[in-house]
Amino acid sequence: MTVKPMRKIMGLTLAGLARELDERTATETVSRWEADAQPMGGYADKVLRLLVCETLTKEAPGIEYNGGLLAHLKVRDPWKANPDHQSPSIVLRLIKLKERSGEIIETWNEKRAA
């Protein structure tokens, strides 16, 4: 997961994202994740995905989201076996939709791995 774009979409600073993830997460750690200087562990990746989905679901009524699927996700650290492992990205596109009333609204229409 690319951390920086997700952080920017949520309107958080490095320190803000660190606080949202866990009170023990250091701002410097988030910075290293963004710079790809340190891989994100499986638990942090899961929490970040939940945070992104929970935050954006309020602004994206076009996305069906079930937090239980991520909450019950088995956390494995694939980087232990393969340091070059890449997690699947979350892809969102802003589109304009026409409501039944004929009004044009903006919404997020697509997600690929959560």
PDB file of N, CA and C in Angstrom:
ATOM      1  N   MET A   1       0.856  -1.171   0.000  1.00  0.00           N
ATOM      2  CA  MET A   1       0.000   0.000   0.000  1.00  0.00           C
ATOM      3  C   MET A   1       0.897   1.227   0.000  1.00  0.00           C
ATOM      4  N   THR A   2       0.551   2.178  -0.811  1.00  0.00           N
ATOM      5  CA  THR A   2       1.276   3.436  -0.825  1.00  0.00           C
ATOM      6  C   THR A   2       0.691   4.319   0.274  1.00  0.00           C
ATOM      7  N   VAL A   3       1.496   4.618   1.268  1.00  0.00           N
ATOM      8  CA  VAL A   3       1.009   5.294   2.469  1.00  0.00           C
ATOM      9  C   VAL A   3       0.712   6.772   2.234  1.00  0.00           C
ATOM     10  N   LYS A   4       1.615   7.483   1.572  1.00  0.00           N
ATOM     11  CA  LYS A   4       1.470   8.934   1.463  1.00  0.00           C
ATOM     12  C   LYS A   4       0.170   9.367   0.783  1.00  0.00           C
ATOM     13  N   PRO A   5      -0.188   8.793  -0.382  1.00  0.00           N
ATOM     14  CA  PRO A   5      -1.459   9.228  -0.992  1.00  0.00           C
ATOM     15  C   PRO A   5      -2.667   8.960  -0.086  1.00  0.00           C
ATOM     16  N   MET A   6      -2.663   7.842   0.614  1.00  0.00           N
ATOM     17  CA  MET A   6      -3.777   7.541   1.514  1.00  0.00           C
ATOM     18  C   MET A   6      -3.836   8.549   2.657  1.00  0.00           C
ATOM     19  N   ARG A   7      -2.669   8.905   3.178  1.00  0.00           N
ATOM     20  CA  ARG A   7      -2.613   9.898   4.260  1.00  0.00           C
ATOM     21  C   ARG A   7      -3.130  11.238   3.781  1.00  0.00           C
ATOM     22  N   LYS A   8      -2.712  11.638   2.566  1.00  0.00           N
ATOM     23  CA  LYS A   8      -3.136  12.928   2.014  1.00  0.00           C
ATOM     24  C   LYS A   8      -4.648  12.949   1.761  1.00  0.00           C
ATOM     25  N   ILE A   9      -5.195  11.858   1.209  1.00  0.00           N
ATOM     26  CA  ILE A   9      -6.630  11.776   0.948  1.00  0.00           C
ATOM     27  C   ILE A   9      -7.416  11.930   2.248  1.00  0.00           C
ATOM     28  N   MET A  10      -6.881  11.369   3.344  1.00  0.00           N
ATOM     29  CA  MET A  10      -7.564  11.466   4.637  1.00  0.00           C
ATOM     30  C   MET A  10      -7.323  12.807   5.319  1.00  0.00           C
ATOM     31  N   GLY A  11      -6.425  13.633   4.750  1.00  0.00           N
ATOM     32  CA  GLY A  11      -6.156  14.959   5.305  1.00  0.00           C
ATOM     33  C   GLY A  11      -5.364  14.924   6.599  1.00  0.00           C
ATOM     34  N   LEU A  12      -4.475  13.939   6.720  1.00  0.00           N
ATOM     35  CA  LEU A  12      -3.688  13.799   7.946  1.00  0.00           C
ATOM     36  C   LEU A  12      -2.230  14.185   7.725  1.00  0.00           C
ATOM     37  N   THR A  13      -1.609  14.700   8.766  1.00  0.00           N
ATOM     38  CA  THR A  13      -0.165  14.927   8.758  1.00  0.00           C
ATOM     39  C   THR A  13       0.512  13.612   9.109  1.00  0.00           C
ATOM     40  N   LEU A  14       1.831  13.582   9.006  1.00  0.00           N
ATOM     41  CA  LEU A  14       2.568  12.380   9.431  1.00  0.00           C
ATOM     42  C   LEU A  14       2.254  12.052  10.889  1.00  0.00           C
ATOM     43  N   ALA A  15       2.295  13.075  11.744  1.00  0.00           N
ATOM     44  CA  ALA A  15       2.026  12.869  13.172  1.00  0.00           C
ATOM     45  C   ALA A  15       0.569  12.454  13.394  1.00  0.00           C
ATOM     46  N   GLY A  16      -0.342  13.035  12.618  1.00  0.00           N
ATOM     47  CA  GLY A  16      -1.755  12.686  12.746  1.00  0.00           C
ATOM     48  C   GLY A  16      -2.016  11.236  12.387  1.00  0.00           C
ATOM     49  N   LEU A  17      -1.396  10.766  11.306  1.00  0.00           N
ATOM     50  CA  LEU A  17      -1.565   9.369  10.923  1.00  0.00           C
ATOM     51  C   LEU A  17      -0.952   8.457  11.976  1.00  0.00           C
ATOM     52  N   ALA A  18       0.205   8.828  12.483  1.00  0.00           N
ATOM     53  CA  ALA A  18       0.841   8.018  13.534  1.00  0.00           C
ATOM     54  C   ALA A  18      -0.091   7.879  14.733  1.00  0.00           C
ATOM     55  N   ARG A  19      -0.715   8.972  15.151  1.00  0.00           N
ATOM     56  CA  ARG A  19      -1.648   8.927  16.296  1.00  0.00           C
ATOM     57  C   ARG A  19      -2.862   8.068  15.985  1.00  0.00           C
ATOM     58  N   GLU A  20      -3.392   8.186  14.766  1.00  0.00           N
ATOM     59  CA  GLU A  20      -4.574   7.415  14.387  1.00  0.00           C
ATOM     60  C   GLU A  20      -4.287   5.915  14.367  1.00  0.00           C
ATOM     61  N   LEU A  21      -3.080   5.541  13.972  1.00  0.00           N
ATOM     62  CA  LEU A  21      -2.740   4.121  13.900  1.00  0.00           C
ATOM     63  C   LEU A  21      -2.577   3.509  15.282  1.00  0.00           C
ATOM     64  N   ASP A  22      -1.842   4.185  16.138  1.00  0.00           N
ATOM     65  CA  ASP A  22      -1.548   3.647  17.472  1.00  0.00           C
ATOM     66  C   ASP A  22      -0.733   4.692  18.217  1.00  0.00           C
ATOM     67  N   GLU A  23      -1.013   4.870  19.485  1.00  0.00           N
ATOM     68  CA  GLU A  23      -0.278   5.885  20.254  1.00  0.00           C
ATOM     69  C   GLU A  23       1.217   5.575  20.342  1.00  0.00           C
ATOM     70  N   ARG A  24       1.595   4.348  20.041  1.00  0.00           N
ATOM     71  CA  ARG A  24       3.025   3.990  20.086  1.00  0.00           C
ATOM     72  C   ARG A  24       3.708   4.140  18.737  1.00  0.00           C
ATOM     73  N   THR A  25       2.959   4.466  17.688  1.00  0.00           N
ATOM     74  CA  THR A  25       3.551   4.626  16.359  1.00  0.00           C
ATOM     75  C   THR A  25       4.245   5.978  16.284  1.00  0.00           C
ATOM     76  N   ALA A  26       5.508   5.965  15.934  1.00  0.00           N
ATOM     77  CA  ALA A  26       6.289   7.199  15.828  1.00  0.00           C
ATOM     78  C   ALA A  26       6.081   7.858  14.472  1.00  0.00           C
ATOM     79  N   THR A  27       6.086   9.172  14.472  1.00  0.00           N
ATOM     80  CA  THR A  27       5.985   9.934  13.231  1.00  0.00           C
ATOM     81  C   THR A  27       7.096   9.527  12.268  1.00  0.00           C
ATOM     82  N   GLU A  28       8.280   9.291  12.806  1.00  0.00           N
ATOM     83  CA  GLU A  28       9.431   8.901  11.984  1.00  0.00           C
ATOM     84  C   GLU A  28       9.187   7.560  11.289  1.00  0.00           C
ATOM     85  N   THR A  29       8.467   6.674  11.951  1.00  0.00           N
ATOM     86  CA  THR A  29       8.149   5.375  11.348  1.00  0.00           C
ATOM     87  C   THR A  29       7.247   5.559  10.141  1.00  0.00           C
ATOM     88  N   VAL A  30       6.223   6.391  10.277  1.00  0.00           N
ATOM     89  CA  VAL A  30       5.321   6.670   9.150  1.00  0.00           C
ATOM     90  C   VAL A  30       6.117   7.292   8.001  1.00  0.00           C
ATOM     91  N   SER A  31       7.031   8.188   8.319  1.00  0.00           N
ATOM     92  CA  SER A  31       7.879   8.816   7.304  1.00  0.00           C
ATOM     93  C   SER A  31       8.714   7.769   6.563  1.00  0.00           C
ATOM     94  N   ARG A  32       9.262   6.804   7.302  1.00  0.00           N
ATOM     95  CA  ARG A  32      10.067   5.746   6.662  1.00  0.00           C
ATOM     96  C   ARG A  32       9.191   4.861   5.773  1.00  0.00           C
ATOM     97  N   TRP A  33       7.945   4.591   6.182  1.00  0.00           N
ATOM     98  CA  TRP A  33       7.030   3.819   5.327  1.00  0.00           C
ATOM     99  C   TRP A  33       6.772   4.561   4.030  1.00  0.00           C
ATOM    100  N   GLU A  34       6.539   5.864   4.139  1.00  0.00           N
ATOM    101  CA  GLU A  34       6.258   6.669   2.946  1.00  0.00           C
ATOM    102  C   GLU A  34       7.445   6.718   1.995  1.00  0.00           C
ATOM    103  N   ALA A  35       8.633   6.714   2.541  1.00  0.00           N
ATOM    104  CA  ALA A  35       9.849   6.794   1.721  1.00  0.00           C
ATOM    105  C   ALA A  35      10.318   5.411   1.260  1.00  0.00           C
ATOM    106  N   ASP A  36       9.570   4.374   1.618  1.00  0.00           N
ATOM    107  CA  ASP A  36       9.958   2.988   1.327  1.00  0.00           C
ATOM    108  C   ASP A  36      11.322   2.644   1.915  1.00  0.00           C
ATOM    109  N   ALA A  37      11.682   3.321   3.009  1.00  0.00           N
ATOM    110  CA  ALA A  37      12.936   3.026   3.695  1.00  0.00           C
ATOM    111  C   ALA A  37      12.752   1.897   4.705  1.00  0.00           C
ATOM    112  N   GLN A  38      11.514   1.612   5.049  1.00  0.00           N
ATOM    113  CA  GLN A  38      11.204   0.547   6.010  1.00  0.00           C
ATOM    114  C   GLN A  38       9.881  -0.082   5.585  1.00  0.00           C
ATOM    115  N   PRO A  39       9.819  -1.413   5.484  1.00  0.00           N
ATOM    116  CA  PRO A  39       8.544  -2.036   5.128  1.00  0.00           C
ATOM    117  C   PRO A  39       7.550  -1.952   6.282  1.00  0.00           C
ATOM    118  N   MET A  40       6.295  -1.814   5.937  1.00  0.00           N
ATOM    119  CA  MET A  40       5.246  -1.778   6.941  1.00  0.00           C
ATOM    120  C   MET A  40       4.934  -3.215   7.345  1.00  0.00           C
ATOM    121  N   GLY A  41       4.864  -3.468   8.626  1.00  0.00           N
ATOM    122  CA  GLY A  41       4.523  -4.798   9.112  1.00  0.00           C
ATOM    123  C   GLY A  41       3.076  -5.143   8.817  1.00  0.00           C
ATOM    124  N   GLY A  42       2.751  -6.412   8.901  1.00  0.00           N
ATOM    125  CA  GLY A  42       1.411  -6.892   8.594  1.00  0.00           C
ATOM    126  C   GLY A  42       0.326  -6.273   9.458  1.00  0.00           C
ATOM    127  N   TYR A  43       0.588  -6.131  10.751  1.00  0.00           N
ATOM    128  CA  TYR A  43      -0.417  -5.550  11.651  1.00  0.00           C
ATOM    129  C   TYR A  43      -0.669  -4.085  11.304  1.00  0.00           C
ATOM    130  N   ALA A  44       0.395  -3.317  11.094  1.00  0.00           N
ATOM    131  CA  ALA A  44       0.236  -1.897  10.751  1.00  0.00           C
ATOM    132  C   ALA A  44      -0.478  -1.748   9.418  1.00  0.00           C
ATOM    133  N   ASP A  45      -0.174  -2.616   8.460  1.00  0.00           N
ATOM    134  CA  ASP A  45      -0.829  -2.575   7.159  1.00  0.00           C
ATOM    135  C   ASP A  45      -2.330  -2.803   7.319  1.00  0.00           C
ATOM    136  N   LYS A  46      -2.710  -3.760   8.138  1.00  0.00           N
ATOM    137  CA  LYS A  46      -4.122  -4.065   8.378  1.00  0.00           C
ATOM    138  C   LYS A  46      -4.832  -2.885   9.040  1.00  0.00           C
ATOM    139  N   VAL A  47      -4.209  -2.299  10.037  1.00  0.00           N
ATOM    140  CA  VAL A  47      -4.815  -1.160  10.727  1.00  0.00           C
ATOM    141  C   VAL A  47      -4.947   0.033   9.784  1.00  0.00           C
ATOM    142  N   LEU A  48      -3.935   0.277   8.950  1.00  0.00           N
ATOM    143  CA  LEU A  48      -4.011   1.381   7.991  1.00  0.00           C
ATOM    144  C   LEU A  48      -5.150   1.156   6.996  1.00  0.00           C
ATOM    145  N   ARG A  49      -5.296  -0.050   6.505  1.00  0.00           N
ATOM    146  CA  ARG A  49      -6.386  -0.345   5.566  1.00  0.00           C
ATOM    147  C   ARG A  49      -7.741  -0.120   6.223  1.00  0.00           C
ATOM    148  N   LEU A  50      -7.902  -0.539   7.458  1.00  0.00           N
ATOM    149  CA  LEU A  50      -9.154  -0.299   8.181  1.00  0.00           C
ATOM    150  C   LEU A  50      -9.398   1.197   8.352  1.00  0.00           C
ATOM    151  N   LEU A  51      -8.360   1.939   8.737  1.00  0.00           N
ATOM    152  CA  LEU A  51      -8.485   3.373   8.936  1.00  0.00           C
ATOM    153  C   LEU A  51      -8.885   4.079   7.643  1.00  0.00           C
ATOM    154  N   VAL A  52      -8.236   3.724   6.534  1.00  0.00           N
ATOM    155  CA  VAL A  52      -8.558   4.330   5.241  1.00  0.00           C
ATOM    156  C   VAL A  52     -10.011   4.044   4.873  1.00  0.00           C
ATOM    157  N   CYS A  53     -10.410   2.798   4.980  1.00  0.00           N
ATOM    158  CA  CYS A  53     -11.784   2.428   4.603  1.00  0.00           C
ATOM    159  C   CYS A  53     -12.813   3.092   5.510  1.00  0.00           C
ATOM    160  N   GLU A  54     -12.559   3.110   6.806  1.00  0.00           N
ATOM    161  CA  GLU A  54     -13.495   3.735   7.743  1.00  0.00           C
ATOM    162  C   GLU A  54     -13.600   5.240   7.499  1.00  0.00           C
ATOM    163  N   THR A  55     -12.490   5.869   7.168  1.00  0.00           N
ATOM    164  CA  THR A  55     -12.489   7.310   6.931  1.00  0.00           C
ATOM    165  C   THR A  55     -13.178   7.647   5.620  1.00  0.00           C
ATOM    166  N   LEU A  56     -12.853   6.913   4.557  1.00  0.00           N
ATOM    167  CA  LEU A  56     -13.372   7.251   3.235  1.00  0.00           C
ATOM    168  C   LEU A  56     -14.790   6.750   2.995  1.00  0.00           C
ATOM    169  N   THR A  57     -15.243   5.773   3.738  1.00  0.00           N
ATOM    170  CA  THR A  57     -16.600   5.264   3.515  1.00  0.00           C
ATOM    171  C   THR A  57     -17.648   6.336   3.791  1.00  0.00           C
ATOM    172  N   LYS A  58     -17.336   7.286   4.678  1.00  0.00           N
ATOM    173  CA  LYS A  58     -18.257   8.384   4.968  1.00  0.00           C
ATOM    174  C   LYS A  58     -18.403   9.314   3.767  1.00  0.00           C
ATOM    175  N   GLU A  59     -17.343   9.436   2.973  1.00  0.00           N
ATOM    176  CA  GLU A  59     -17.338  10.347   1.831  1.00  0.00           C
ATOM    177  C   GLU A  59     -17.586   9.628   0.509  1.00  0.00           C
ATOM    178  N   ALA A  60     -17.723   8.319   0.559  1.00  0.00           N
ATOM    179  CA  ALA A  60     -17.842   7.540  -0.670  1.00  0.00           C
ATOM    180  C   ALA A  60     -19.015   6.581  -0.597  1.00  0.00           C
ATOM    181  N   PRO A  61     -20.233   7.107  -0.726  1.00  0.00           N
ATOM    182  CA  PRO A  61     -21.395   6.226  -0.600  1.00  0.00           C
ATOM    183  C   PRO A  61     -21.490   5.187  -1.704  1.00  0.00           C
ATOM    184  N   GLY A  62     -20.743   5.347  -2.778  1.00  0.00           N
ATOM    185  CA  GLY A  62     -20.773   4.383  -3.874  1.00  0.00           C
ATOM    186  C   GLY A  62     -19.950   3.141  -3.617  1.00  0.00           C
ATOM    187  N   ILE A  63     -19.204   3.114  -2.522  1.00  0.00           N
ATOM    188  CA  ILE A  63     -18.343   1.970  -2.220  1.00  0.00           C
ATOM    189  C   ILE A  63     -19.004   1.102  -1.161  1.00  0.00           C
ATOM    190  N   GLU A  64     -19.127  -0.172  -1.466  1.00  0.00           N
ATOM    191  CA  GLU A  64     -19.606  -1.113  -0.463  1.00  0.00           C
ATOM    192  C   GLU A  64     -18.390  -1.559   0.335  1.00  0.00           C
ATOM    193  N   TYR A  65     -18.487  -1.452   1.634  1.00  0.00           N
ATOM    194  CA  TYR A  65     -17.352  -1.755   2.509  1.00  0.00           C
ATOM    195  C   TYR A  65     -17.824  -2.556   3.705  1.00  0.00           C
ATOM    196  N   ASN A  66     -17.114  -3.615   4.013  1.00  0.00           N
ATOM    197  CA  ASN A  66     -17.423  -4.449   5.164  1.00  0.00           C
ATOM    198  C   ASN A  66     -16.160  -4.535   6.018  1.00  0.00           C
ATOM    199  N   GLY A  67     -16.132  -3.756   7.104  1.00  0.00           N
ATOM    200  CA  GLY A  67     -14.963  -3.741   7.990  1.00  0.00           C
ATOM    201  C   GLY A  67     -14.670  -5.088   8.605  1.00  0.00           C
ATOM    202  N   GLY A  68     -15.685  -5.918   8.745  1.00  0.00           N
ATOM    203  CA  GLY A  68     -15.476  -7.241   9.321  1.00  0.00           C
ATOM    204  C   GLY A  68     -14.522  -8.096   8.512  1.00  0.00           C
ATOM    205  N   LEU A  69     -14.528  -7.896   7.187  1.00  0.00           N
ATOM    206  CA  LEU A  69     -13.613  -8.675   6.360  1.00  0.00           C
ATOM    207  C   LEU A  69     -12.163  -8.346   6.684  1.00  0.00           C
ATOM    208  N   LEU A  70     -11.869  -7.054   6.881  1.00  0.00           N
ATOM    209  CA  LEU A  70     -10.507  -6.673   7.260  1.00  0.00           C
ATOM    210  C   LEU A  70     -10.222  -6.990   8.722  1.00  0.00           C
ATOM    211  N   ALA A  71     -11.221  -6.793   9.572  1.00  0.00           N
ATOM    212  CA  ALA A  71     -11.016  -7.036  11.004  1.00  0.00           C
ATOM    213  C   ALA A  71     -10.654  -8.495  11.273  1.00  0.00           C
ATOM    214  N   HIS A  72     -11.188  -9.400  10.474  1.00  0.00           N
ATOM    215  CA  HIS A  72     -10.919 -10.826  10.684  1.00  0.00           C
ATOM    216  C   HIS A  72      -9.818 -11.361   9.776  1.00  0.00           C
ATOM    217  N   LEU A  73      -9.173 -10.469   9.061  1.00  0.00           N
ATOM    218  CA  LEU A  73      -8.078 -10.846   8.194  1.00  0.00           C
ATOM    219  C   LEU A  73      -6.936 -11.418   9.024  1.00  0.00           C
ATOM    220  N   LYS A  74      -6.420 -12.551   8.621  1.00  0.00           N
ATOM    221  CA  LYS A  74      -5.273 -13.151   9.317  1.00  0.00           C
ATOM    222  C   LYS A  74      -4.028 -12.355   8.946  1.00  0.00           C
ATOM    223  N   VAL A  75      -3.360 -11.818   9.951  1.00  0.00           N
ATOM    224  CA  VAL A  75      -2.178 -10.996   9.703  1.00  0.00           C
ATOM    225  C   VAL A  75      -0.960 -11.893   9.576  1.00  0.00           C
ATOM    226  N   ARG A  76      -0.361 -11.831   8.416  1.00  0.00           N
ATOM    227  CA  ARG A  76       0.888 -12.548   8.176  1.00  0.00           C
ATOM    228  C   ARG A  76       1.893 -11.515   7.716  1.00  0.00           C
ATOM    229  N   ASP A  77       3.112 -11.732   8.028  1.00  0.00           N
ATOM    230  CA  ASP A  77       4.146 -10.782   7.639  1.00  0.00           C
ATOM    231  C   ASP A  77       4.902 -11.362   6.445  1.00  0.00           C
ATOM    232  N   PRO A  78       4.455 -11.096   5.224  1.00  0.00           N
ATOM    233  CA  PRO A  78       5.099 -11.698   4.051  1.00  0.00           C
ATOM    234  C   PRO A  78       6.526 -11.213   3.829  1.00  0.00           C
ATOM    235  N   TRP A  79       6.893 -10.092   4.457  1.00  0.00           N
ATOM    236  CA  TRP A  79       8.247  -9.561   4.273  1.00  0.00           C
ATOM    237  C   TRP A  79       9.297 -10.437   4.940  1.00  0.00           C
ATOM    238  N   LYS A  80       8.885 -11.251   5.908  1.00  0.00           N
ATOM    239  CA  LYS A  80       9.844 -12.164   6.539  1.00  0.00           C
ATOM    240  C   LYS A  80      10.341 -13.182   5.520  1.00  0.00           C
ATOM    241  N   ALA A  81       9.444 -13.654   4.666  1.00  0.00           N
ATOM    242  CA  ALA A  81       9.823 -14.633   3.650  1.00  0.00           C
ATOM    243  C   ALA A  81      10.378 -13.965   2.395  1.00  0.00           C
ATOM    244  N   ASN A  82       9.872 -12.772   2.085  1.00  0.00           N
ATOM    245  CA  ASN A  82      10.283 -12.075   0.867  1.00  0.00           C
ATOM    246  C   ASN A  82      10.378 -10.578   1.138  1.00  0.00           C
ATOM    247  N   PRO A  83      11.581 -10.054   1.348  1.00  0.00           N
ATOM    248  CA  PRO A  83      11.737  -8.626   1.662  1.00  0.00           C
ATOM    249  C   PRO A  83      11.231  -7.700   0.558  1.00  0.00           C
ATOM    250  N   ASP A  84      11.057  -8.206  -0.661  1.00  0.00           N
ATOM    251  CA  ASP A  84      10.595  -7.383  -1.777  1.00  0.00           C
ATOM    252  C   ASP A  84       9.080  -7.482  -1.983  1.00  0.00           C
ATOM    253  N   HIS A  85       8.377  -8.099  -1.059  1.00  0.00           N
ATOM    254  CA  HIS A  85       6.929  -8.277  -1.185  1.00  0.00           C
ATOM    255  C   HIS A  85       6.220  -6.930  -1.304  1.00  0.00           C
ATOM    256  N   GLN A  86       5.226  -6.845  -2.202  1.00  0.00           N
ATOM    257  CA  GLN A  86       4.421  -5.642  -2.372  1.00  0.00           C
ATOM    258  C   GLN A  86       2.966  -5.985  -2.059  1.00  0.00           C
ATOM    259  N   SER A  87       2.349  -5.249  -1.152  1.00  0.00           N
ATOM    260  CA  SER A  87       0.939  -5.451  -0.838  1.00  0.00           C
ATOM    261  C   SER A  87       0.089  -4.890  -1.970  1.00  0.00           C
ATOM    262  N   PRO A  88      -1.096  -5.461  -2.172  1.00  0.00           N
ATOM    263  CA  PRO A  88      -1.962  -4.900  -3.205  1.00  0.00           C
ATOM    264  C   PRO A  88      -2.389  -3.486  -2.860  1.00  0.00           C
ATOM    265  N   SER A  89      -2.554  -2.667  -3.866  1.00  0.00           N
ATOM    266  CA  SER A  89      -2.927  -1.268  -3.670  1.00  0.00           C
ATOM    267  C   SER A  89      -4.432  -1.104  -3.551  1.00  0.00           C
ATOM    268  N   ILE A  90      -4.833  -0.033  -2.902  1.00  0.00           N
ATOM    269  CA  ILE A  90      -6.227   0.389  -2.905  1.00  0.00           C
ATOM    270  C   ILE A  90      -6.340   1.427  -4.005  1.00  0.00           C
ATOM    271  N   VAL A  91      -7.274   1.234  -4.914  1.00  0.00           N
ATOM    272  CA  VAL A  91      -7.438   2.143  -6.041  1.00  0.00           C
ATOM    273  C   VAL A  91      -8.818   2.781  -5.952  1.00  0.00           C
ATOM    274  N   LEU A  92      -8.864   4.094  -5.887  1.00  0.00           N
ATOM    275  CA  LEU A  92     -10.125   4.831  -5.856  1.00  0.00           C
ATOM    276  C   LEU A  92     -10.111   5.861  -6.976  1.00  0.00           C
ATOM    277  N   ARG A  93     -11.238   6.006  -7.646  1.00  0.00           N
ATOM    278  CA  ARG A  93     -11.357   7.020  -8.689  1.00  0.00           C
ATOM    279  C   ARG A  93     -12.567   7.887  -8.387  1.00  0.00           C
ATOM    280  N   LEU A  94     -12.384   9.183  -8.472  1.00  0.00           N
ATOM    281  CA  LEU A  94     -13.479  10.122  -8.264  1.00  0.00           C
ATOM    282  C   LEU A  94     -14.247  10.263  -9.572  1.00  0.00           C
ATOM    283  N   ILE A  95     -15.556  10.015  -9.507  1.00  0.00           N
ATOM    284  CA  ILE A  95     -16.377  10.154 -10.702  1.00  0.00           C
ATOM    285  C   ILE A  95     -17.603  10.991 -10.379  1.00  0.00           C
ATOM    286  N   LYS A  96     -18.281  11.434 -11.406  1.00  0.00           N
ATOM    287  CA  LYS A  96     -19.530  12.174 -11.236  1.00  0.00           C
ATOM    288  C   LYS A  96     -20.677  11.232 -11.587  1.00  0.00           C
ATOM    289  N   LEU A  97     -21.671  11.185 -10.719  1.00  0.00           N
ATOM    290  CA  LEU A  97     -22.847  10.353 -10.926  1.00  0.00           C
ATOM    291  C   LEU A  97     -24.086  11.227 -10.984  1.00  0.00           C
ATOM    292  N   LYS A  98     -25.077  10.762 -11.691  1.00  0.00           N
ATOM    293  CA  LYS A  98     -26.339  11.482 -11.733  1.00  0.00           C
ATOM    294  C   LYS A  98     -27.300  10.760 -10.791  1.00  0.00           C
ATOM    295  N   GLU A  99     -27.801  11.497  -9.795  1.00  0.00           N
ATOM    296  CA  GLU A  99     -28.774  10.931  -8.877  1.00  0.00           C
ATOM    297  C   GLU A  99     -30.132  10.841  -9.553  1.00  0.00           C
ATOM    298  N   ARG A 100     -31.071  10.145  -8.931  1.00  0.00           N
ATOM    299  CA  ARG A 100     -32.416  10.012  -9.494  1.00  0.00           C
ATOM    300  C   ARG A 100     -33.063  11.377  -9.713  1.00  0.00           C
ATOM    301  N   SER A 101     -32.712  12.338  -8.867  1.00  0.00           N
ATOM    302  CA  SER A 101     -33.284  13.681  -9.002  1.00  0.00           C
ATOM    303  C   SER A 101     -32.694  14.439 -10.199  1.00  0.00           C
ATOM    304  N   GLY A 102     -31.653  13.859 -10.813  1.00  0.00           N
ATOM    305  CA  GLY A 102     -31.003  14.520 -11.943  1.00  0.00           C
ATOM    306  C   GLY A 102     -29.795  15.336 -11.536  1.00  0.00           C
ATOM    307  N   GLU A 103     -29.583  15.485 -10.223  1.00  0.00           N
ATOM    308  CA  GLU A 103     -28.444  16.249  -9.722  1.00  0.00           C
ATOM    309  C   GLU A 103     -27.155  15.454  -9.931  1.00  0.00           C
ATOM    310  N   ILE A 104     -26.103  16.144 -10.320  1.00  0.00           N
ATOM    311  CA  ILE A 104     -24.799  15.512 -10.505  1.00  0.00           C
ATOM    312  C   ILE A 104     -24.056  15.574  -9.168  1.00  0.00           C
ATOM    313  N   ILE A 105     -23.568  14.422  -8.716  1.00  0.00           N
ATOM    314  CA  ILE A 105     -22.797  14.364  -7.471  1.00  0.00           C
ATOM    315  C   ILE A 105     -21.449  13.720  -7.763  1.00  0.00           C
ATOM    316  N   GLU A 106     -20.494  13.971  -6.890  1.00  0.00           N
ATOM    317  CA  GLU A 106     -19.197  13.316  -7.004  1.00  0.00           C
ATOM    318  C   GLU A 106     -19.150  12.193  -5.992  1.00  0.00           C
ATOM    319  N   THR A 107     -18.546  11.079  -6.376  1.00  0.00           N
ATOM    320  CA  THR A 107     -18.408   9.959  -5.464  1.00  0.00           C
ATOM    321  C   THR A 107     -17.208   9.125  -5.886  1.00  0.00           C
ATOM    322  N   TRP A 108     -16.803   8.248  -5.030  1.00  0.00           N
ATOM    323  CA  TRP A 108     -15.702   7.322  -5.337  1.00  0.00           C
ATOM    324  C   TRP A 108     -16.359   6.039  -5.847  1.00  0.00           C
ATOM    325  N   ASN A 109     -15.855   5.520  -6.950  1.00  0.00           N
ATOM    326  CA  ASN A 109     -16.565   4.408  -7.561  1.00  0.00           C
ATOM    327  C   ASN A 109     -15.852   3.080  -7.551  1.00  0.00           C
ATOM    328  N   GLU A 110     -14.597   3.002  -7.245  1.00  0.00           N
ATOM    329  CA  GLU A 110     -13.923   1.745  -7.445  1.00  0.00           C
ATOM    330  C   GLU A 110     -12.964   1.455  -6.316  1.00  0.00           C
ATOM    331  N   LYS A 111     -12.925   0.206  -5.900  1.00  0.00           N
ATOM    332  CA  LYS A 111     -11.892  -0.222  -4.984  1.00  0.00           C
ATOM    333  C   LYS A 111     -11.366  -1.550  -5.479  1.00  0.00           C
ATOM    334  N   ARG A 112     -10.137  -1.795  -5.288  1.00  0.00           N
ATOM    335  CA  ARG A 112      -9.543  -3.071  -5.677  1.00  0.00           C
ATOM    336  C   ARG A 112      -9.032  -3.713  -4.420  1.00  0.00           C
ATOM    337  N   ALA A 113      -8.087  -4.002  -3.931  1.00  0.00           N
ATOM    338  CA  ALA A 113      -7.838  -4.701  -2.679  1.00  0.00           C
ATOM    339  C   ALA A 113      -7.974  -3.762  -1.496  1.00  0.00           C
ATOM    340  N   ALA A 114      -8.578  -4.221  -0.433  1.00  0.00           N
ATOM    341  CA  ALA A 114      -8.747  -3.370   0.761  1.00  0.00           C
ATOM    342  C   ALA A 114      -7.728  -3.692   1.794  1.00  0.00           C
TER     343      ALA A 114
END
